[in-house]
Amino acid sequence: MKVKLNGKDHPLDQAINVELLLDSIGLAGKPVIVELNKKALFPREYVHTMLDDGDQLEIITIAAGG
């Protein structure tokens, strides 16, 4: 199974949810914005949103600055 992650192919061994994907790429618990197939997700949706072959994800990290 393969998804597009920030414009690049990202292989997955099995179907997982968005929360597990974030964990696998080191972003679990970090402030991020996730867009799945051009629709923004609320953080509460990550655990319930399963990824399918060919899905397109954009993940943006939020950084505070001053």
PDB file of N, CA and C in Angstrom:
ATOM      1  N   MET A   1       0.842  -1.164   0.000  1.00  0.00           N
ATOM      2  CA  MET A   1       0.000   0.000   0.000  1.00  0.00           C
ATOM      3  C   MET A   1       0.895   1.237   0.000  1.00  0.00           C
ATOM      4  N   LYS A   2       0.444   2.272  -0.709  1.00  0.00           N
ATOM      5  CA  LYS A   2       1.255   3.483  -0.831  1.00  0.00           C
ATOM      6  C   LYS A   2       0.350   4.708  -0.758  1.00  0.00           C
ATOM      7  N   VAL A   3       0.811   5.736  -0.050  1.00  0.00           N
ATOM      8  CA  VAL A   3       0.122   7.022   0.000  1.00  0.00           C
ATOM      9  C   VAL A   3       1.110   8.091  -0.474  1.00  0.00           C
ATOM     10  N   LYS A   4       0.580   9.261  -0.800  1.00  0.00           N
ATOM     11  CA  LYS A   4       1.430  10.410  -1.117  1.00  0.00           C
ATOM     12  C   LYS A   4       1.502  11.258   0.142  1.00  0.00           C
ATOM     13  N   LEU A   5       2.703  11.492   0.628  1.00  0.00           N
ATOM     14  CA  LEU A   5       2.917  12.277   1.832  1.00  0.00           C
ATOM     15  C   LEU A   5       3.741  13.498   1.456  1.00  0.00           C
ATOM     16  N   ASN A   6       3.114  14.657   1.526  1.00  0.00           N
ATOM     17  CA  ASN A   6       3.760  15.911   1.138  1.00  0.00           C
ATOM     18  C   ASN A   6       4.372  15.803  -0.260  1.00  0.00           C
ATOM     19  N   GLY A   7       3.608  15.187  -1.169  1.00  0.00           N
ATOM     20  CA  GLY A   7       4.008  15.103  -2.572  1.00  0.00           C
ATOM     21  C   GLY A   7       4.934  13.958  -2.934  1.00  0.00           C
ATOM     22  N   LYS A   8       5.338  13.147  -1.951  1.00  0.00           N
ATOM     23  CA  LYS A   8       6.252  12.030  -2.223  1.00  0.00           C
ATOM     24  C   LYS A   8       5.586  10.711  -1.864  1.00  0.00           C
ATOM     25  N   ASP A   9       5.920   9.660  -2.620  1.00  0.00           N
ATOM     26  CA  ASP A   9       5.394   8.334  -2.310  1.00  0.00           C
ATOM     27  C   ASP A   9       5.883   7.883  -0.940  1.00  0.00           C
ATOM     28  N   HIS A  10       4.969   7.335  -0.158  1.00  0.00           N
ATOM     29  CA  HIS A  10       5.294   6.830   1.172  1.00  0.00           C
ATOM     30  C   HIS A  10       4.660   5.448   1.308  1.00  0.00           C
ATOM     31  N   PRO A  11       5.477   4.382   1.273  1.00  0.00           N
ATOM     32  CA  PRO A  11       4.920   3.030   1.383  1.00  0.00           C
ATOM     33  C   PRO A  11       4.478   2.703   2.807  1.00  0.00           C
ATOM     34  N   LEU A  12       3.406   1.939   2.912  1.00  0.00           N
ATOM     35  CA  LEU A  12       2.906   1.463   4.199  1.00  0.00           C
ATOM     36  C   LEU A  12       2.788  -0.052   4.137  1.00  0.00           C
ATOM     37  N   ASP A  13       3.178  -0.728   5.199  1.00  0.00           N
ATOM     38  CA  ASP A  13       3.101  -2.191   5.250  1.00  0.00           C
ATOM     39  C   ASP A  13       1.667  -2.686   5.373  1.00  0.00           C
ATOM     40  N   GLN A  14       0.820  -1.863   5.995  1.00  0.00           N
ATOM     41  CA  GLN A  14      -0.564  -2.261   6.234  1.00  0.00           C
ATOM     42  C   GLN A  14      -1.417  -1.009   6.343  1.00  0.00           C
ATOM     43  N   ALA A  15      -2.714  -1.205   6.363  1.00  0.00           N
ATOM     44  CA  ALA A  15      -3.626  -0.074   6.538  1.00  0.00           C
ATOM     45  C   ALA A  15      -3.485   0.445   7.971  1.00  0.00           C
ATOM     46  N   ILE A  16      -3.285   1.755   8.100  1.00  0.00           N
ATOM     47  CA  ILE A  16      -3.157   2.366   9.418  1.00  0.00           C
ATOM     48  C   ILE A  16      -3.998   3.635   9.459  1.00  0.00           C
ATOM     49  N   ASN A  17      -4.168   4.167  10.662  1.00  0.00           N
ATOM     50  CA  ASN A  17      -4.879   5.429  10.789  1.00  0.00           C
ATOM     51  C   ASN A  17      -3.880   6.586  10.787  1.00  0.00           C
ATOM     52  N   VAL A  18      -4.393   7.790  10.727  1.00  0.00           N
ATOM     53  CA  VAL A  18      -3.542   8.977  10.656  1.00  0.00           C
ATOM     54  C   VAL A  18      -2.674   9.106  11.909  1.00  0.00           C
ATOM     55  N   GLU A  19      -3.228   8.783  13.067  1.00  0.00           N
ATOM     56  CA  GLU A  19      -2.455   8.876  14.306  1.00  0.00           C
ATOM     57  C   GLU A  19      -1.218   7.979  14.264  1.00  0.00           C
ATOM     58  N   LEU A  20      -1.359   6.765  13.772  1.00  0.00           N
ATOM     59  CA  LEU A  20      -0.213   5.852  13.677  1.00  0.00           C
ATOM     60  C   LEU A  20       0.794   6.331  12.639  1.00  0.00           C
ATOM     61  N   LEU A  21       0.317   6.935  11.562  1.00  0.00           N
ATOM     62  CA  LEU A  21       1.240   7.491  10.567  1.00  0.00           C
ATOM     63  C   LEU A  21       2.070   8.609  11.197  1.00  0.00           C
ATOM     64  N   LEU A  22       1.421   9.503  11.915  1.00  0.00           N
ATOM     65  CA  LEU A  22       2.149  10.586  12.578  1.00  0.00           C
ATOM     66  C   LEU A  22       3.194  10.024  13.533  1.00  0.00           C
ATOM     67  N   ASP A  23       2.839   8.991  14.275  1.00  0.00           N
ATOM     68  CA  ASP A  23       3.782   8.343  15.183  1.00  0.00           C
ATOM     69  C   ASP A  23       4.965   7.768  14.410  1.00  0.00           C
ATOM     70  N   SER A  24       4.699   7.130  13.281  1.00  0.00           N
ATOM     71  CA  SER A  24       5.762   6.479  12.509  1.00  0.00           C
ATOM     72  C   SER A  24       6.734   7.466  11.880  1.00  0.00           C
ATOM     73  N   ILE A  25       6.297   8.708  11.677  1.00  0.00           N
ATOM     74  CA  ILE A  25       7.200   9.709  11.088  1.00  0.00           C
ATOM     75  C   ILE A  25       7.715  10.710  12.130  1.00  0.00           C
ATOM     76  N   GLY A  26       7.486  10.400  13.415  1.00  0.00           N
ATOM     77  CA  GLY A  26       8.041  11.204  14.489  1.00  0.00           C
ATOM     78  C   GLY A  26       7.278  12.474  14.821  1.00  0.00           C
ATOM     79  N   LEU A  27       6.010  12.540  14.444  1.00  0.00           N
ATOM     80  CA  LEU A  27       5.226  13.740  14.707  1.00  0.00           C
ATOM     81  C   LEU A  27       4.088  13.524  15.700  1.00  0.00           C
ATOM     82  N   ALA A  28       4.066  12.397  16.367  1.00  0.00           N
ATOM     83  CA  ALA A  28       2.998  12.125  17.345  1.00  0.00           C
ATOM     84  C   ALA A  28       3.060  13.140  18.471  1.00  0.00           C
ATOM     85  N   GLY A  29       1.913  13.719  18.800  1.00  0.00           N
ATOM     86  CA  GLY A  29       1.839  14.666  19.890  1.00  0.00           C
ATOM     87  C   GLY A  29       2.364  16.059  19.573  1.00  0.00           C
ATOM     88  N   LYS A  30       2.842  16.274  18.370  1.00  0.00           N
ATOM     89  CA  LYS A  30       3.357  17.582  17.975  1.00  0.00           C
ATOM     90  C   LYS A  30       2.242  18.381  17.309  1.00  0.00           C
ATOM     91  N   PRO A  31       2.334  19.702  17.377  1.00  0.00           N
ATOM     92  CA  PRO A  31       1.299  20.523  16.724  1.00  0.00           C
ATOM     93  C   PRO A  31       1.452  20.481  15.206  1.00  0.00           C
ATOM     94  N   VAL A  32       0.492  19.840  14.555  1.00  0.00           N
ATOM     95  CA  VAL A  32       0.512  19.717  13.096  1.00  0.00           C
ATOM     96  C   VAL A  32      -0.880  19.976  12.529  1.00  0.00           C
ATOM     97  N   ILE A  33      -0.892  20.292  11.269  1.00  0.00           N
ATOM     98  CA  ILE A  33      -2.134  20.357  10.504  1.00  0.00           C
ATOM     99  C   ILE A  33      -2.060  19.220   9.497  1.00  0.00           C
ATOM    100  N   VAL A  34      -3.111  18.413   9.433  1.00  0.00           N
ATOM    101  CA  VAL A  34      -3.154  17.290   8.504  1.00  0.00           C
ATOM    102  C   VAL A  34      -4.299  17.512   7.523  1.00  0.00           C
ATOM    103  N   GLU A  35      -3.946  17.422   6.248  1.00  0.00           N
ATOM    104  CA  GLU A  35      -4.947  17.509   5.185  1.00  0.00           C
ATOM    105  C   GLU A  35      -4.935  16.168   4.456  1.00  0.00           C
ATOM    106  N   LEU A  36      -6.089  15.535   4.393  1.00  0.00           N
ATOM    107  CA  LEU A  36      -6.227  14.239   3.727  1.00  0.00           C
ATOM    108  C   LEU A  36      -7.134  14.416   2.524  1.00  0.00           C
ATOM    109  N   ASN A  37      -6.585  14.168   1.346  1.00  0.00           N
ATOM    110  CA  ASN A  37      -7.333  14.321   0.096  1.00  0.00           C
ATOM    111  C   ASN A  37      -8.021  15.691   0.028  1.00  0.00           C
ATOM    112  N   LYS A  38      -7.227  16.722   0.364  1.00  0.00           N
ATOM    113  CA  LYS A  38      -7.641  18.134   0.284  1.00  0.00           C
ATOM    114  C   LYS A  38      -8.702  18.539   1.292  1.00  0.00           C
ATOM    115  N   LYS A  39      -8.835  17.748   2.379  1.00  0.00           N
ATOM    116  CA  LYS A  39      -9.773  18.086   3.454  1.00  0.00           C
ATOM    117  C   LYS A  39      -9.011  18.086   4.769  1.00  0.00           C
ATOM    118  N   ALA A  40      -9.063  19.221   5.481  1.00  0.00           N
ATOM    119  CA  ALA A  40      -8.373  19.324   6.764  1.00  0.00           C
ATOM    120  C   ALA A  40      -9.068  18.445   7.805  1.00  0.00           C
ATOM    121  N   LEU A  41      -8.265  17.801   8.627  1.00  0.00           N
ATOM    122  CA  LEU A  41      -8.789  16.943   9.693  1.00  0.00           C
ATOM    123  C   LEU A  41      -8.601  17.611  11.043  1.00  0.00           C
ATOM    124  N   PHE A  42      -9.551  17.407  11.943  1.00  0.00           N
ATOM    125  CA  PHE A  42      -9.386  17.811  13.329  1.00  0.00           C
ATOM    126  C   PHE A  42      -8.517  16.759  14.013  1.00  0.00           C
ATOM    127  N   PRO A  43      -7.698  17.161  14.984  1.00  0.00           N
ATOM    128  CA  PRO A  43      -6.875  16.173  15.697  1.00  0.00           C
ATOM    129  C   PRO A  43      -7.691  15.023  16.283  1.00  0.00           C
ATOM    130  N   ARG A  44      -8.913  15.272  16.713  1.00  0.00           N
ATOM    131  CA  ARG A  44      -9.746  14.198  17.280  1.00  0.00           C
ATOM    132  C   ARG A  44     -10.132  13.151  16.225  1.00  0.00           C
ATOM    133  N   GLU A  45      -9.970  13.483  14.945  1.00  0.00           N
ATOM    134  CA  GLU A  45     -10.305  12.551  13.870  1.00  0.00           C
ATOM    135  C   GLU A  45      -9.147  11.618  13.495  1.00  0.00           C
ATOM    136  N   TYR A  46      -7.934  11.934  13.934  1.00  0.00           N
ATOM    137  CA  TYR A  46      -6.757  11.163  13.516  1.00  0.00           C
ATOM    138  C   TYR A  46      -6.890   9.681  13.825  1.00  0.00           C
ATOM    139  N   VAL A  47      -7.358   9.339  15.009  1.00  0.00           N
ATOM    140  CA  VAL A  47      -7.436   7.936  15.428  1.00  0.00           C
ATOM    141  C   VAL A  47      -8.517   7.168  14.657  1.00  0.00           C
ATOM    142  N   HIS A  48      -9.538   7.858  14.180  1.00  0.00           N
ATOM    143  CA  HIS A  48     -10.650   7.205  13.488  1.00  0.00           C
ATOM    144  C   HIS A  48     -10.524   7.230  11.967  1.00  0.00           C
ATOM    145  N   THR A  49      -9.509   7.922  11.439  1.00  0.00           N
ATOM    146  CA  THR A  49      -9.375   8.086   9.993  1.00  0.00           C
ATOM    147  C   THR A  49      -8.352   7.099   9.451  1.00  0.00           C
ATOM    148  N   MET A  50      -8.850   6.068   8.775  1.00  0.00           N
ATOM    149  CA  MET A  50      -7.979   5.059   8.180  1.00  0.00           C
ATOM    150  C   MET A  50      -7.486   5.540   6.816  1.00  0.00           C
ATOM    151  N   LEU A  51      -6.248   5.199   6.501  1.00  0.00           N
ATOM    152  CA  LEU A  51      -5.671   5.566   5.216  1.00  0.00           C
ATOM    153  C   LEU A  51      -5.911   4.461   4.207  1.00  0.00           C
ATOM    154  N   ASP A  52      -6.192   4.858   2.968  1.00  0.00           N
ATOM    155  CA  ASP A  52      -6.398   3.922   1.871  1.00  0.00           C
ATOM    156  C   ASP A  52      -5.287   4.093   0.844  1.00  0.00           C
ATOM    157  N   ASP A  53      -5.064   3.068   0.065  1.00  0.00           N
ATOM    158  CA  ASP A  53      -4.069   3.114  -0.998  1.00  0.00           C
ATOM    159  C   ASP A  53      -4.363   4.299  -1.915  1.00  0.00           C
ATOM    160  N   GLY A  54      -3.346   5.107  -2.173  1.00  0.00           N
ATOM    161  CA  GLY A  54      -3.487   6.244  -3.069  1.00  0.00           C
ATOM    162  C   GLY A  54      -3.920   7.540  -2.401  1.00  0.00           C
ATOM    163  N   ASP A  55      -4.188   7.517  -1.094  1.00  0.00           N
ATOM    164  CA  ASP A  55      -4.562   8.753  -0.401  1.00  0.00           C
ATOM    165  C   ASP A  55      -3.432   9.770  -0.510  1.00  0.00           C
ATOM    166  N   GLN A  56      -3.823  11.043  -0.483  1.00  0.00           N
ATOM    167  CA  GLN A  56      -2.849  12.132  -0.523  1.00  0.00           C
ATOM    168  C   GLN A  56      -2.917  12.902   0.784  1.00  0.00           C
ATOM    169  N   LEU A  57      -1.775  13.015   1.449  1.00  0.00           N
ATOM    170  CA  LEU A  57      -1.698  13.729   2.724  1.00  0.00           C
ATOM    171  C   LEU A  57      -0.720  14.883   2.624  1.00  0.00           C
ATOM    172  N   GLU A  58      -1.100  15.971   3.242  1.00  0.00           N
ATOM    173  CA  GLU A  58      -0.189  17.090   3.447  1.00  0.00           C
ATOM    174  C   GLU A  58      -0.129  17.287   4.946  1.00  0.00           C
ATOM    175  N   ILE A  59       1.074  17.304   5.488  1.00  0.00           N
ATOM    176  CA  ILE A  59       1.256  17.493   6.927  1.00  0.00           C
ATOM    177  C   ILE A  59       2.155  18.703   7.119  1.00  0.00           C
ATOM    178  N   ILE A  60       1.663  19.662   7.878  1.00  0.00           N
ATOM    179  CA  ILE A  60       2.385  20.901   8.125  1.00  0.00           C
ATOM    180  C   ILE A  60       2.622  21.009   9.620  1.00  0.00           C
ATOM    181  N   THR A  61       3.866  21.220  10.012  1.00  0.00           N
ATOM    182  CA  THR A  61       4.170  21.409  11.429  1.00  0.00           C
ATOM    183  C   THR A  61       3.977  22.880  11.777  1.00  0.00           C
ATOM    184  N   ILE A  62       3.498  23.111  12.989  1.00  0.00           N
ATOM    185  CA  ILE A  62       3.244  24.463  13.468  1.00  0.00           C
ATOM    186  C   ILE A  62       4.379  24.835  14.421  1.00  0.00           C
ATOM    187  N   ALA A  63       5.009  25.962  14.131  1.00  0.00           N
ATOM    188  CA  ALA A  63       6.097  26.444  14.976  1.00  0.00           C
ATOM    189  C   ALA A  63       5.797  27.859  15.426  1.00  0.00           C
ATOM    190  N   ALA A  64       5.921  28.080  16.718  1.00  0.00           N
ATOM    191  CA  ALA A  64       5.711  29.425  17.255  1.00  0.00           C
ATOM    192  C   ALA A  64       7.027  30.185  17.162  1.00  0.00           C
ATOM    193  N   GLY A  65       6.906  31.439  16.984  1.00  0.00           N
ATOM    194  CA  GLY A  65       8.117  32.256  16.889  1.00  0.00           C
ATOM    195  C   GLY A  65       7.847  33.669  17.354  1.00  0.00           C
ATOM    196  N   GLY A  66       8.866  34.423  17.370  1.00  0.00           N
ATOM    197  CA  GLY A  66       8.650  35.781  17.832  1.00  0.00           C
ATOM    198  C   GLY A  66       9.717  36.712  17.343  1.00  0.00           C
TER     199      GLY A  66
END
